[in-house]
Amino acid sequence: MSWKCKNCSTEIEETSFEVCWNCGCEKGKESLPELKSPSLQCLRCDSSMVKLGSKEFHEGSRWGVLGNLGELLVSRQALDMFACKACGKVEFFIPSEKENK
């Protein structure tokens, strides 16, 4: 007998599964519990990393006479930037879903 996830409405065929394969919600629960994101530790020196903000990167270079106007025609990707104050290591991550909304 199948069951339907209350969080994402996915039909789960197997009754032996207690967790939705699509969203990770437990059977019978309406939503996932909010998880506190642990502080990010530097992989090099194990110190705490600080978020410096979001940085936008684009493909290619500026187009001659078009200059900044040419920037409208290129693909862009925003990445969250974290830095370690102890050793200077920098890491980039895809922005979290909460910040995209």
Protein backbone atom coordinates (compact mmCIF):
# COMPACT_ATOMS: atom_id res chain seq x y z
CA MET A 1 0.00 0.00 0.00
CA SER A 2 1.34 3.44 -0.89
CA TRP A 3 1.25 6.69 1.07
CA LYS A 4 1.30 10.35 0.07
CA CYS A 5 3.84 12.80 1.49
CA LYS A 6 2.07 15.65 3.31
CA ASN A 7 4.95 18.03 2.57
CA CYS A 8 5.44 17.67 -1.23
CA SER A 9 2.46 15.44 -2.23
CA THR A 10 4.72 12.76 -3.73
CA GLU A 11 3.16 9.30 -3.95
CA ILE A 12 5.44 6.79 -2.18
CA GLU A 13 4.84 3.28 -3.55
CA GLU A 14 6.68 1.30 -0.90
CA THR A 15 5.15 1.07 2.56
CA SER A 16 8.52 0.07 4.00
CA PHE A 17 9.80 3.64 3.48
CA GLU A 18 9.20 5.95 6.44
CA VAL A 19 10.80 8.97 4.74
CA CYS A 20 9.83 10.65 1.44
CA TRP A 21 12.50 10.10 -1.22
CA ASN A 22 11.69 13.46 -2.83
CA CYS A 23 11.89 15.92 0.09
CA GLY A 24 13.13 13.88 3.07
CA CYS A 25 10.02 14.50 5.17
CA GLU A 26 8.98 11.74 7.59
CA LYS A 27 5.78 9.79 6.93
CA GLY A 28 2.79 11.56 8.51
CA LYS A 29 4.59 14.87 9.15
CA GLU A 30 3.60 18.02 7.28
CA SER A 31 6.98 19.70 6.94
CA LEU A 32 10.66 19.28 7.55
CA PRO A 33 12.00 20.60 10.84
CA GLU A 34 14.06 23.78 10.49
CA LEU A 35 17.68 22.86 10.81
CA LYS A 36 20.21 25.29 12.19
CA SER A 37 23.06 25.55 9.78
CA PRO A 38 26.27 24.76 11.61
CA SER A 39 29.03 27.33 11.39
CA LEU A 40 31.30 26.71 8.45
CA GLN A 41 34.77 25.51 9.44
CA CYS A 42 37.86 26.16 7.32
CA LEU A 43 39.13 22.98 5.69
CA ARG A 44 42.73 24.19 5.95
CA CYS A 45 43.05 25.37 9.59
CA ASP A 46 39.67 24.39 11.17
CA SER A 47 38.84 28.00 12.20
CA SER A 48 35.37 29.50 11.72
CA MET A 49 34.67 31.08 8.33
CA VAL A 50 32.76 34.33 7.88
CA LYS A 51 30.32 35.12 5.07
CA LEU A 52 31.58 38.09 3.07
CA GLY A 53 28.46 38.34 0.93
CA SER A 54 27.45 37.32 -2.56
CA LYS A 55 29.61 37.84 -5.65
CA GLU A 56 28.34 37.75 -9.24
CA PHE A 57 30.54 36.13 -11.86
CA HIS A 58 29.98 36.21 -15.61
CA GLU A 59 31.27 34.23 -18.58
CA GLY A 60 33.59 35.84 -21.08
CA SER A 61 34.93 39.38 -21.13
CA ARG A 62 33.57 42.84 -21.88
CA TRP A 63 32.70 43.43 -25.50
CA GLY A 64 34.87 46.26 -26.84
CA VAL A 65 32.74 49.30 -27.67
CA LEU A 66 29.69 47.89 -25.87
CA GLY A 67 31.56 47.93 -22.51
CA ASN A 68 29.13 47.53 -19.63
CA LEU A 69 26.18 47.35 -22.03
CA GLY A 70 27.62 44.07 -23.34
CA GLU A 71 27.33 42.68 -19.79
CA LEU A 72 23.58 42.33 -20.40
CA LEU A 73 24.24 39.64 -23.01
CA VAL A 74 26.39 37.30 -20.90
CA SER A 75 25.44 34.50 -18.53
CA ARG A 76 25.83 35.36 -14.82
CA GLN A 77 26.10 33.19 -11.71
CA ALA A 78 25.87 34.50 -8.14
CA LEU A 79 27.91 32.68 -5.49
CA ASP A 80 28.10 33.14 -1.72
CA MET A 81 31.65 33.93 -0.59
CA PHE A 82 33.09 32.78 2.75
CA ALA A 83 36.59 33.57 4.07
CA CYS A 84 38.75 32.32 6.92
CA LYS A 85 40.18 35.21 8.95
CA ALA A 86 42.93 32.98 10.34
CA CYS A 87 44.56 31.70 7.12
CA GLY A 88 42.87 33.66 4.30
CA LYS A 89 41.26 30.69 2.52
CA VAL A 90 38.18 31.66 0.47
CA GLU A 91 35.34 29.32 -0.54
CA PHE A 92 32.38 29.86 -2.86
CA PHE A 93 28.95 28.19 -2.59
CA ILE A 94 25.71 28.25 -4.54
CA PRO A 95 23.34 30.67 -2.72
CA SER A 96 20.99 28.97 -0.26
CA GLU A 97 17.29 28.57 -1.16
CA LYS A 98 16.18 30.84 1.71
CA GLU A 99 18.15 33.76 0.27
CA ASN A 100 16.76 33.22 -3.25
CA LYS A 101 13.18 33.81 -2.10
